[in-house]
C-alpha atoms as a PDB file:
ATOM      1  CA  MET A   1       2.032  30.306   3.476  1.00  0.00           C
ATOM      2  CA  LEU A   2       4.543  28.013   5.151  1.00  0.00           C
ATOM      3  CA  LYS A   3       2.816  25.017   3.843  1.00  0.00           C
ATOM      4  CA  HIS A   4       2.946  26.338   0.245  1.00  0.00           C
ATOM      5  CA  LYS A   5       6.790  27.247   0.655  1.00  0.00           C
ATOM      6  CA  SER A   6       7.607  23.859   2.110  1.00  0.00           C
ATOM      7  CA  ALA A   7       5.732  21.927  -0.623  1.00  0.00           C
ATOM      8  CA  ALA A   8       7.290  24.137  -3.332  1.00  0.00           C
ATOM      9  CA  LEU A   9      10.749  23.492  -2.033  1.00  0.00           C
ATOM     10  CA  ALA A  10      10.120  19.751  -1.864  1.00  0.00           C
ATOM     11  CA  LEU A  11       8.818  19.657  -5.467  1.00  0.00           C
ATOM     12  CA  LEU A  12      11.900  21.594  -6.631  1.00  0.00           C
ATOM     13  CA  LEU A  13      14.234  19.141  -4.963  1.00  0.00           C
ATOM     14  CA  VAL A  14      12.339  16.123  -6.676  1.00  0.00           C
ATOM     15  CA  SER A  15      12.126  17.717 -10.088  1.00  0.00           C
ATOM     16  CA  GLY A  16      15.539  19.210  -9.998  1.00  0.00           C
ATOM     17  CA  ALA A  17      17.260  16.002  -9.124  1.00  0.00           C
ATOM     18  CA  LEU A  18      15.819  14.404 -12.132  1.00  0.00           C
ATOM     19  CA  SER A  19      17.560  16.884 -14.344  1.00  0.00           C
ATOM     20  CA  PRO A  20      21.182  15.938 -15.304  1.00  0.00           C
ATOM     21  CA  ALA A  21      22.061  19.625 -15.374  1.00  0.00           C
ATOM     22  CA  VAL A  22      21.643  20.174 -11.527  1.00  0.00           C
ATOM     23  CA  SER A  23      25.087  19.057 -10.676  1.00  0.00           C
ATOM     24  CA  VAL A  24      28.102  17.723 -12.383  1.00  0.00           C
ATOM     25  CA  ALA A  25      29.879  16.639  -9.198  1.00  0.00           C
ATOM     26  CA  TYR A  26      27.007  14.910  -7.430  1.00  0.00           C
ATOM     27  CA  SER A  27      24.797  12.123  -8.881  1.00  0.00           C
ATOM     28  CA  PRO A  28      21.840  10.685  -6.895  1.00  0.00           C
ATOM     29  CA  HIS A  29      22.226   6.914  -6.141  1.00  0.00           C
ATOM     30  CA  GLY A  30      18.990   6.196  -8.122  1.00  0.00           C
ATOM     31  CA  TYR A  31      15.636   7.228  -9.414  1.00  0.00           C
ATOM     32  CA  PRO A  32      13.180   4.621  -7.911  1.00  0.00           C
ATOM     33  CA  GLY A  33       9.567   4.435  -9.047  1.00  0.00           C
ATOM     34  CA  SER A  34       6.652   2.194  -8.607  1.00  0.00           C
ATOM     35  CA  VAL A  35       2.921   1.760  -9.420  1.00  0.00           C
ATOM     36  CA  TRP A  36       0.433  -0.194  -7.217  1.00  0.00           C
ATOM     37  CA  GLY A  37      -3.317  -0.690  -7.580  1.00  0.00           C
ATOM     38  CA  SER A  38      -6.354  -2.841  -6.713  1.00  0.00           C
ATOM     39  CA  LEU A  39      -9.747  -3.360  -8.469  1.00  0.00           C
ATOM     40  CA  SER A  40     -12.371  -5.085  -6.374  1.00  0.00           C
ATOM     41  CA  GLN A  41     -16.151  -5.921  -6.613  1.00  0.00           C
ATOM     42  CA  GLY A  42     -17.751  -6.793  -3.303  1.00  0.00           C
ATOM     43  CA  SER A  43     -21.029  -8.572  -2.644  1.00  0.00           C
ATOM     44  CA  GLY A  44     -21.882  -6.441   0.411  1.00  0.00           C
ATOM     45  CA  LYS A  45     -24.035  -3.340   0.693  1.00  0.00           C
ATOM     46  CA  THR A  46     -21.456  -1.176   2.622  1.00  0.00           C
ATOM     47  CA  GLU A  47     -18.543  -0.726   0.197  1.00  0.00           C
ATOM     48  CA  GLY A  48     -19.502  -1.745  -3.249  1.00  0.00           C
ATOM     49  CA  ALA A  49     -17.032  -1.845  -6.181  1.00  0.00           C
ATOM     50  CA  GLY A  50     -13.793   0.071  -5.737  1.00  0.00           C
ATOM     51  CA  VAL A  51     -10.395   0.951  -7.164  1.00  0.00           C
ATOM     52  CA  GLN A  52      -7.312   2.243  -5.217  1.00  0.00           C
ATOM     53  CA  GLY A  53      -3.640   2.782  -5.765  1.00  0.00           C
ATOM     54  CA  TRP A  54      -0.727   5.050  -6.383  1.00  0.00           C
ATOM     55  CA  ALA A  55       2.029   5.908  -8.853  1.00  0.00           C
ATOM     56  CA  ARG A  56       5.365   7.258  -7.687  1.00  0.00           C
ATOM     57  CA  GLN A  57       8.600   8.523  -9.156  1.00  0.00           C
ATOM     58  CA  GLY A  58      11.435   9.441  -6.816  1.00  0.00           C
ATOM     59  CA  VAL A  59      15.101  10.211  -6.205  1.00  0.00           C
ATOM     60  CA  ARG A  60      17.394   8.118  -3.972  1.00  0.00           C
ATOM     61  CA  TRP A  61      19.645  10.789  -2.530  1.00  0.00           C
ATOM     62  CA  ALA A  62      21.978   8.689  -0.344  1.00  0.00           C
ATOM     63  CA  ARG A  63      22.512   5.173   0.999  1.00  0.00           C
ATOM     64  CA  LEU A  64      23.679   4.845   4.598  1.00  0.00           C
ATOM     65  CA  GLY A  65      25.096   1.736   6.226  1.00  0.00           C
ATOM     66  CA  LYS A  66      23.412  -1.452   5.265  1.00  0.00           C
ATOM     67  CA  LYS A  67      20.984  -0.348   2.528  1.00  0.00           C
ATOM     68  CA  LEU A  68      19.269   2.480   4.455  1.00  0.00           C
ATOM     69  CA  ASP A  69      18.098   4.802   1.667  1.00  0.00           C
ATOM     70  CA  LEU A  70      17.046   8.417   1.949  1.00  0.00           C
ATOM     71  CA  ASN A  71      14.484   8.997  -0.778  1.00  0.00           C
ATOM     72  CA  THR A  72      11.951  11.623  -1.936  1.00  0.00           C
ATOM     73  CA  TYR A  73       8.978  10.929  -4.226  1.00  0.00           C
ATOM     74  CA  ALA A  74       6.376  12.771  -6.245  1.00  0.00           C
ATOM     75  CA  ALA A  75       3.172  10.668  -6.156  1.00  0.00           C
ATOM     76  CA  TYR A  76      -0.462  10.573  -7.292  1.00  0.00           C
ATOM     77  CA  ASN A  77      -2.948   8.589  -5.116  1.00  0.00           C
ATOM     78  CA  TRP A  78      -6.417   7.466  -5.632  1.00  0.00           C
ATOM     79  CA  ARG A  79      -9.177   5.632  -3.544  1.00  0.00           C
ATOM     80  CA  MET A  80     -12.700   5.362  -4.958  1.00  0.00           C
ATOM     81  CA  ARG A  81     -15.670   3.097  -4.275  1.00  0.00           C
ATOM     82  CA  THR A  82     -19.362   3.068  -5.213  1.00  0.00           C
ATOM     83  CA  ARG A  83     -21.064   3.094  -1.818  1.00  0.00           C
ATOM     84  CA  ASN A  84     -20.753   5.221   1.320  1.00  0.00           C
ATOM     85  CA  LYS A  85     -18.070   7.220  -0.407  1.00  0.00           C
ATOM     86  CA  THR A  86     -18.338  10.663   1.157  1.00  0.00           C
ATOM     87  CA  TYR A  87     -15.156  10.660   3.176  1.00  0.00           C
ATOM     88  CA  TYR A  88     -13.666   7.617   1.628  1.00  0.00           C
ATOM     89  CA  ASN A  89     -13.273   8.598  -2.024  1.00  0.00           C
ATOM     90  CA  ALA A  90     -10.064  10.649  -2.417  1.00  0.00           C
ATOM     91  CA  ILE A  91      -7.693  11.562  -5.175  1.00  0.00           C
ATOM     92  CA  GLY A  92      -4.621  13.807  -5.472  1.00  0.00           C
ATOM     93  CA  PRO A  93      -0.852  14.303  -5.635  1.00  0.00           C
ATOM     94  CA  SER A  94       1.534  14.210  -2.767  1.00  0.00           C
ATOM     95  CA  LEU A  95       5.238  14.722  -1.947  1.00  0.00           C
ATOM     96  CA  ILE A  96       7.027  12.202   0.290  1.00  0.00           C
ATOM     97  CA  ALA A  97      10.362  12.162   2.013  1.00  0.00           C
ATOM     98  CA  ALA A  98      11.328   8.812   3.577  1.00  0.00           C
ATOM     99  CA  ALA A  99      14.105   6.599   5.062  1.00  0.00           C
ATOM    100  CA  GLU A 100      13.647   3.084   3.656  1.00  0.00           C
ATOM    101  CA  LYS A 101      15.351  -0.085   4.409  1.00  0.00           C
ATOM    102  CA  GLY A 102      14.061  -3.044   2.362  1.00  0.00           C
ATOM    103  CA  ALA A 103      10.227  -3.183   2.875  1.00  0.00           C
ATOM    104  CA  PHE A 104      10.429  -0.932   6.003  1.00  0.00           C
ATOM    105  CA  SER A 105      10.009   2.863   5.779  1.00  0.00           C
ATOM    106  CA  ALA A 106       9.327   6.007   7.794  1.00  0.00           C
ATOM    107  CA  GLY A 107       8.947   9.595   6.738  1.00  0.00           C
ATOM    108  CA  ALA A 108       6.676  12.549   6.054  1.00  0.00           C
ATOM    109  CA  GLU A 109       4.053  13.276   3.396  1.00  0.00           C
ATOM    110  CA  PHE A 110       2.542  16.500   2.172  1.00  0.00           C
ATOM    111  CA  ALA A 111      -0.743  15.794   0.245  1.00  0.00           C
ATOM    112  CA  TRP A 112      -3.204  17.832  -1.845  1.00  0.00           C
ATOM    113  CA  THR A 113      -6.264  15.668  -1.400  1.00  0.00           C
ATOM    114  CA  ARG A 114      -9.707  16.192  -3.047  1.00  0.00           C
ATOM    115  CA  TYR A 115     -12.860  14.522  -1.849  1.00  0.00           C
ATOM    116  CA  PRO A 116     -15.060  14.396  -5.018  1.00  0.00           C
ATOM    117  CA  SER A 117     -18.325  13.543  -3.233  1.00  0.00           C
ATOM    118  CA  LEU A 118     -18.191  16.534  -0.877  1.00  0.00           C
ATOM    119  CA  PRO A 119     -16.617  18.400  -2.883  1.00  0.00           C
ATOM    120  CA  ARG A 120     -13.763  19.481  -0.596  1.00  0.00           C
ATOM    121  CA  ASN A 121      -9.998  20.036  -1.030  1.00  0.00           C
ATOM    122  CA  VAL A 122      -7.513  19.481   1.853  1.00  0.00           C
ATOM    123  CA  GLU A 123      -3.753  20.251   2.188  1.00  0.00           C
ATOM    124  CA  ASN A 124      -2.163  18.125   4.861  1.00  0.00           C
ATOM    125  CA  TYR A 125       1.125  17.081   6.478  1.00  0.00           C
ATOM    126  CA  SER A 126       1.375  13.631   7.940  1.00  0.00           C
ATOM    127  CA  LEU A 127       4.096  11.404   9.478  1.00  0.00           C
ATOM    128  CA  PHE A 128       4.111   7.671   8.627  1.00  0.00           C
ATOM    129  CA  SER A 129       5.797   4.401   9.059  1.00  0.00           C
ATOM    130  CA  GLY A 130       5.133   1.238   6.888  1.00  0.00           C
ATOM    131  CA  TRP A 131       6.321  -2.371   6.704  1.00  0.00           C
ATOM    132  CA  TYR A 132       6.126  -5.669   4.771  1.00  0.00           C
ATOM    133  CA  ALA A 133       7.660  -8.854   5.752  1.00  0.00           C
ATOM    134  CA  SER A 134       7.282 -12.457   4.490  1.00  0.00           C
ATOM    135  CA  ARG A 135       8.821 -15.695   5.516  1.00  0.00           C
ATOM    136  CA  ASP A 136       8.327 -19.345   4.470  1.00  0.00           C
ATOM    137  CA  ILE A 137       7.622 -21.404   7.639  1.00  0.00           C
ATOM    138  CA  SER A 138       7.509 -24.795   5.897  1.00  0.00           C
ATOM    139  CA  LYS A 139      10.872 -25.660   7.268  1.00  0.00           C
ATOM    140  CA  TRP A 140       9.548 -25.579  10.862  1.00  0.00           C
ATOM    141  CA  THR A 141       6.456 -27.673  10.098  1.00  0.00           C
ATOM    142  CA  GLY A 142       7.814 -30.904   8.780  1.00  0.00           C
ATOM    143  CA  LEU A 143       6.040 -30.545   5.526  1.00  0.00           C
ATOM    144  CA  PRO A 144       9.226 -30.816   3.342  1.00  0.00           C
ATOM    145  CA  SER A 145       9.506 -34.502   4.475  1.00  0.00           C
ATOM    146  CA  LEU A 146       6.249 -35.321   2.545  1.00  0.00           C
ATOM    147  CA  GLY A 147       8.133 -34.880  -0.685  1.00  0.00           C
ATOM    148  CA  SER A 148       5.995 -34.267  -3.784  1.00  0.00           C
ATOM    149  CA  ARG A 149       2.760 -34.258  -1.668  1.00  0.00           C
ATOM    150  CA  ALA A 150       3.885 -31.159   0.252  1.00  0.00           C
ATOM    151  CA  PRO A 151       2.793 -27.623  -0.651  1.00  0.00           C
ATOM    152  CA  LEU A 152       5.506 -25.516  -2.416  1.00  0.00           C
ATOM    153  CA  ALA A 153       5.672 -23.078   0.630  1.00  0.00           C
ATOM    154  CA  LEU A 154       3.853 -21.786   3.731  1.00  0.00           C
ATOM    155  CA  PRO A 155       4.397 -18.017   3.530  1.00  0.00           C
ATOM    156  CA  PHE A 156       3.584 -16.045   6.619  1.00  0.00           C
ATOM    157  CA  SER A 157       3.308 -12.341   5.796  1.00  0.00           C
ATOM    158  CA  THR A 158       2.341  -8.979   7.183  1.00  0.00           C
ATOM    159  CA  TRP A 159       1.785  -5.534   5.590  1.00  0.00           C
ATOM    160  CA  GLY A 160       0.802  -2.326   7.286  1.00  0.00           C
ATOM    161  CA  LYS A 161       1.091   1.440   7.616  1.00  0.00           C
ATOM    162  CA  MET A 162       0.638   3.744  10.494  1.00  0.00           C
ATOM    163  CA  SER A 163       0.080   7.572  10.032  1.00  0.00           C
ATOM    164  CA  TYR A 164       0.039  10.606  12.401  1.00  0.00           C
ATOM    165  CA  ASP A 165      -2.072  13.340  11.048  1.00  0.00           C
ATOM    166  CA  LEU A 166      -0.881  16.881  11.576  1.00  0.00           C
ATOM    167  CA  HIS A 167      -3.891  18.755  10.021  1.00  0.00           C
ATOM    168  CA  GLY A 168      -6.455  16.984   7.858  1.00  0.00           C
ATOM    169  CA  ALA A 169      -9.863  15.403   7.356  1.00  0.00           C
ATOM    170  CA  GLU A 170      -8.865  11.831   7.996  1.00  0.00           C
ATOM    171  CA  GLY A 171      -7.054  11.819  11.227  1.00  0.00           C
ATOM    172  CA  SER A 172      -4.338   9.473  12.382  1.00  0.00           C
ATOM    173  CA  GLY A 173      -4.778   5.770  11.755  1.00  0.00           C
ATOM    174  CA  SER A 174      -3.493   2.379  10.843  1.00  0.00           C
ATOM    175  CA  GLN A 175      -4.210  -0.265   8.284  1.00  0.00           C
ATOM    176  CA  GLY A 176      -2.740  -3.561   7.245  1.00  0.00           C
ATOM    177  CA  TRP A 177      -3.012  -7.341   7.439  1.00  0.00           C
ATOM    178  CA  VAL A 178      -1.381 -10.548   8.780  1.00  0.00           C
ATOM    179  CA  ARG A 179      -1.633 -13.596   6.575  1.00  0.00           C
ATOM    180  CA  GLN A 180      -0.745 -17.266   6.665  1.00  0.00           C
ATOM    181  CA  GLY A 181      -0.699 -18.778   3.167  1.00  0.00           C
ATOM    182  CA  VAL A 182      -0.131 -21.991   1.374  1.00  0.00           C
ATOM    183  CA  ASP A 183       1.485 -22.016  -2.045  1.00  0.00           C
ATOM    184  CA  TRP A 184      -0.055 -25.172  -3.697  1.00  0.00           C
ATOM    185  CA  LEU A 185       0.931 -25.247  -7.404  1.00  0.00           C
ATOM    186  CA  ALA A 186       3.414 -23.692  -9.873  1.00  0.00           C
ATOM    187  CA  LEU A 187       1.651 -23.102 -13.139  1.00  0.00           C
ATOM    188  CA  GLY A 188       4.481 -21.960 -15.285  1.00  0.00           C
ATOM    189  CA  ARG A 189       5.531 -18.496 -16.560  1.00  0.00           C
ATOM    190  CA  GLY A 190       5.848 -17.403 -12.916  1.00  0.00           C
ATOM    191  CA  TRP A 191       2.203 -18.004 -11.878  1.00  0.00           C
ATOM    192  CA  LYS A 192       1.223 -19.815  -8.744  1.00  0.00           C
ATOM    193  CA  PHE A 193      -2.051 -20.994  -7.096  1.00  0.00           C
ATOM    194  CA  LYS A 194      -2.246 -19.847  -3.474  1.00  0.00           C
ATOM    195  CA  THR A 195      -4.707 -19.813  -0.474  1.00  0.00           C
ATOM    196  CA  TYR A 196      -4.450 -17.855   2.744  1.00  0.00           C
ATOM    197  CA  ALA A 197      -6.161 -17.036   6.035  1.00  0.00           C
ATOM    198  CA  ALA A 198      -5.840 -13.438   7.193  1.00  0.00           C
ATOM    199  CA  TYR A 199      -6.718 -10.722   9.706  1.00  0.00           C
ATOM    200  CA  ASN A 200      -7.288  -7.267   8.268  1.00  0.00           C
ATOM    201  CA  TRP A 201      -7.820  -3.854   9.796  1.00  0.00           C
ATOM    202  CA  ARG A 202      -8.423  -0.214   8.572  1.00  0.00           C
ATOM    203  CA  LEU A 203      -8.862   2.388  11.269  1.00  0.00           C
ATOM    204  CA  ARG A 204      -8.589   6.161  11.640  1.00  0.00           C
ATOM    205  CA  THR A 205      -9.681   8.946  14.190  1.00  0.00           C
ATOM    206  CA  LYS A 206     -11.815  11.204  11.962  1.00  0.00           C
ATOM    207  CA  ASN A 207     -14.785  10.729   9.579  1.00  0.00           C
ATOM    208  CA  LYS A 208     -14.467   7.004  10.446  1.00  0.00           C
ATOM    209  CA  GLN A 209     -18.110   5.709  10.333  1.00  0.00           C
ATOM    210  CA  TYR A 210     -18.010   4.117   7.000  1.00  0.00           C
ATOM    211  CA  TYR A 211     -14.161   3.728   6.901  1.00  0.00           C
ATOM    212  CA  ASN A 212     -13.143   1.845  10.092  1.00  0.00           C
ATOM    213  CA  VAL A 213     -13.459  -1.960   9.624  1.00  0.00           C
ATOM    214  CA  HIS A 214     -11.525  -5.059  10.872  1.00  0.00           C
ATOM    215  CA  GLY A 215     -11.904  -8.788  10.804  1.00  0.00           C
ATOM    216  CA  PRO A 216     -10.693 -12.159   9.369  1.00  0.00           C
ATOM    217  CA  SER A 217     -10.832 -13.423   5.934  1.00  0.00           C
ATOM    218  CA  ALA A 218      -9.863 -16.396   3.803  1.00  0.00           C
ATOM    219  CA  GLY A 219      -8.716 -15.977   0.092  1.00  0.00           C
ATOM    220  CA  ALA A 220      -7.632 -17.988  -3.017  1.00  0.00           C
ATOM    221  CA  VAL A 221      -5.483 -16.214  -5.603  1.00  0.00           C
ATOM    222  CA  LEU A 222      -3.525 -16.813  -8.901  1.00  0.00           C
ATOM    223  CA  SER A 223      -0.263 -14.911  -8.315  1.00  0.00           C
ATOM    224  CA  GLY A 224       2.023 -13.742 -11.040  1.00  0.00           C
ATOM    225  CA  ARG A 225       5.012 -11.453 -11.336  1.00  0.00           C
ATOM    226  CA  TYR A 226       3.011  -8.204 -11.764  1.00  0.00           C
ATOM    227  CA  PHE A 227      -0.622  -9.275 -11.139  1.00  0.00           C
ATOM    228  CA  ASP A 228      -2.788 -11.173  -8.546  1.00  0.00           C
ATOM    229  CA  ALA A 229      -6.345 -12.234  -9.343  1.00  0.00           C
ATOM    230  CA  GLY A 230      -8.636 -13.970  -6.956  1.00  0.00           C
ATOM    231  CA  SER A 231     -11.334 -13.799  -4.406  1.00  0.00           C
ATOM    232  CA  GLU A 232     -11.535 -13.287  -0.663  1.00  0.00           C
ATOM    233  CA  TYR A 233     -14.242 -13.922   1.868  1.00  0.00           C
ATOM    234  CA  TYR A 234     -14.496 -11.401   4.762  1.00  0.00           C
ATOM    235  CA  TRP A 235     -16.122 -11.489   8.230  1.00  0.00           C
ATOM    236  CA  GLN A 236     -16.159  -7.701   8.727  1.00  0.00           C
ATOM    237  CA  LYS A 237     -16.940  -5.575  11.731  1.00  0.00           C
ATOM    238  CA  PHE A 238     -17.688  -1.886  11.356  1.00  0.00           C
ATOM    239  CA  PRO A 239     -17.216  -0.574  14.974  1.00  0.00           C
ATOM    240  CA  GLN A 240     -18.926   2.826  14.600  1.00  0.00           C
ATOM    241  CA  LEU A 241     -21.895   1.367  12.835  1.00  0.00           C
ATOM    242  CA  ARG A 242     -22.170  -1.492  15.329  1.00  0.00           C
ATOM    243  CA  ARG A 243     -22.605  -3.772  12.308  1.00  0.00           C
ATOM    244  CA  SER A 244     -21.125  -6.970  11.112  1.00  0.00           C
ATOM    245  CA  ALA A 245     -21.032  -8.235   7.463  1.00  0.00           C
ATOM    246  CA  LYS A 246     -20.008 -11.193   5.485  1.00  0.00           C
ATOM    247  CA  THR A 247     -18.693 -10.247   2.038  1.00  0.00           C
ATOM    248  CA  LEU A 248     -17.135 -11.957  -0.903  1.00  0.00           C
ATOM    249  CA  ASN A 249     -14.717  -9.746  -2.878  1.00  0.00           C
ATOM    250  CA  VAL A 250     -13.314 -10.492  -6.301  1.00  0.00           C
ATOM    251  CA  PHE A 251     -10.152  -8.601  -7.021  1.00  0.00           C
ATOM    252  CA  LEU A 252      -7.343  -7.777  -9.393  1.00  0.00           C
ATOM    253  CA  ASN A 253      -4.142  -6.308  -7.932  1.00  0.00           C
ATOM    254  CA  TRP A 254      -1.026  -5.083  -9.625  1.00  0.00           C
ATOM    255  CA  TYR A 255       2.537  -3.917  -8.586  1.00  0.00           C
ATOM    256  CA  CYS A 256       5.607  -2.891 -10.628  1.00  0.00           C
ATOM    257  CA  ASN A 257       8.718  -0.988  -9.569  1.00  0.00           C
ATOM    258  CA  TRP A 258      11.802   0.178 -11.409  1.00  0.00           C
ATOM    259  CA  ASP A 259      14.908   2.415 -11.088  1.00  0.00           C
ATOM    260  CA  LEU A 260      15.405   4.776 -14.094  1.00  0.00           C
ATOM    261  CA  LYS A 261      19.210   4.864 -13.268  1.00  0.00           C
ATOM    262  CA  GLY A 262      19.513   1.152 -13.792  1.00  0.00           C
ATOM    263  CA  LYS A 263      22.326  -0.847 -12.199  1.00  0.00           C
END
């Protein structure tokens, strides 16, 4: 009963703030939203083809200090693939409360998750933290002195998420990557050709046999404002299976964000 009351209250806060009639004296700082997704086709026999992503619409309630935002979101999440999908495939809505500063965030999420292949429905609270950071290291390598022969940039980047499960089917976990890239060519209209070497991980504490995986990779990608298309070759290790695999993935990624309040 407590879970349902907490979720209902959070939903009321999100939906109520989107209505101009809630308060004349107070106006939220913004209405941030975003959509992210990935389509992939792998050559290996463990994961197959897949799609994953989320769509979110939120409320920025306050901004503290130097751009520390207090936000809530209503979201819909999906993660599907064609092989070994029993505890991997998952869909469903969630409610999120987060403190965010740039690409760093920490907060709590209540999710209604359905596992279509079981079938099973799970209601779950979790705590999380996430990050994304990128820096061009070319100024420290001497490459700009090569003039027109130098790459455009040498972006070093990392993305990740850690979660602590309070009651659910997936347990606590971490996923992310570290990449060293090379931006080779600008192709016009915002498109670039890039390559990178990376180390990737996806780990959790429950139902992990066909989920947990880690290892290095190398990729080549055409990168635009909203879309990335390319291929990535993985040297993967599945710890619970005691199996290693070499897999070529072809992918299409997309990301777009907005603020309904505007500037």
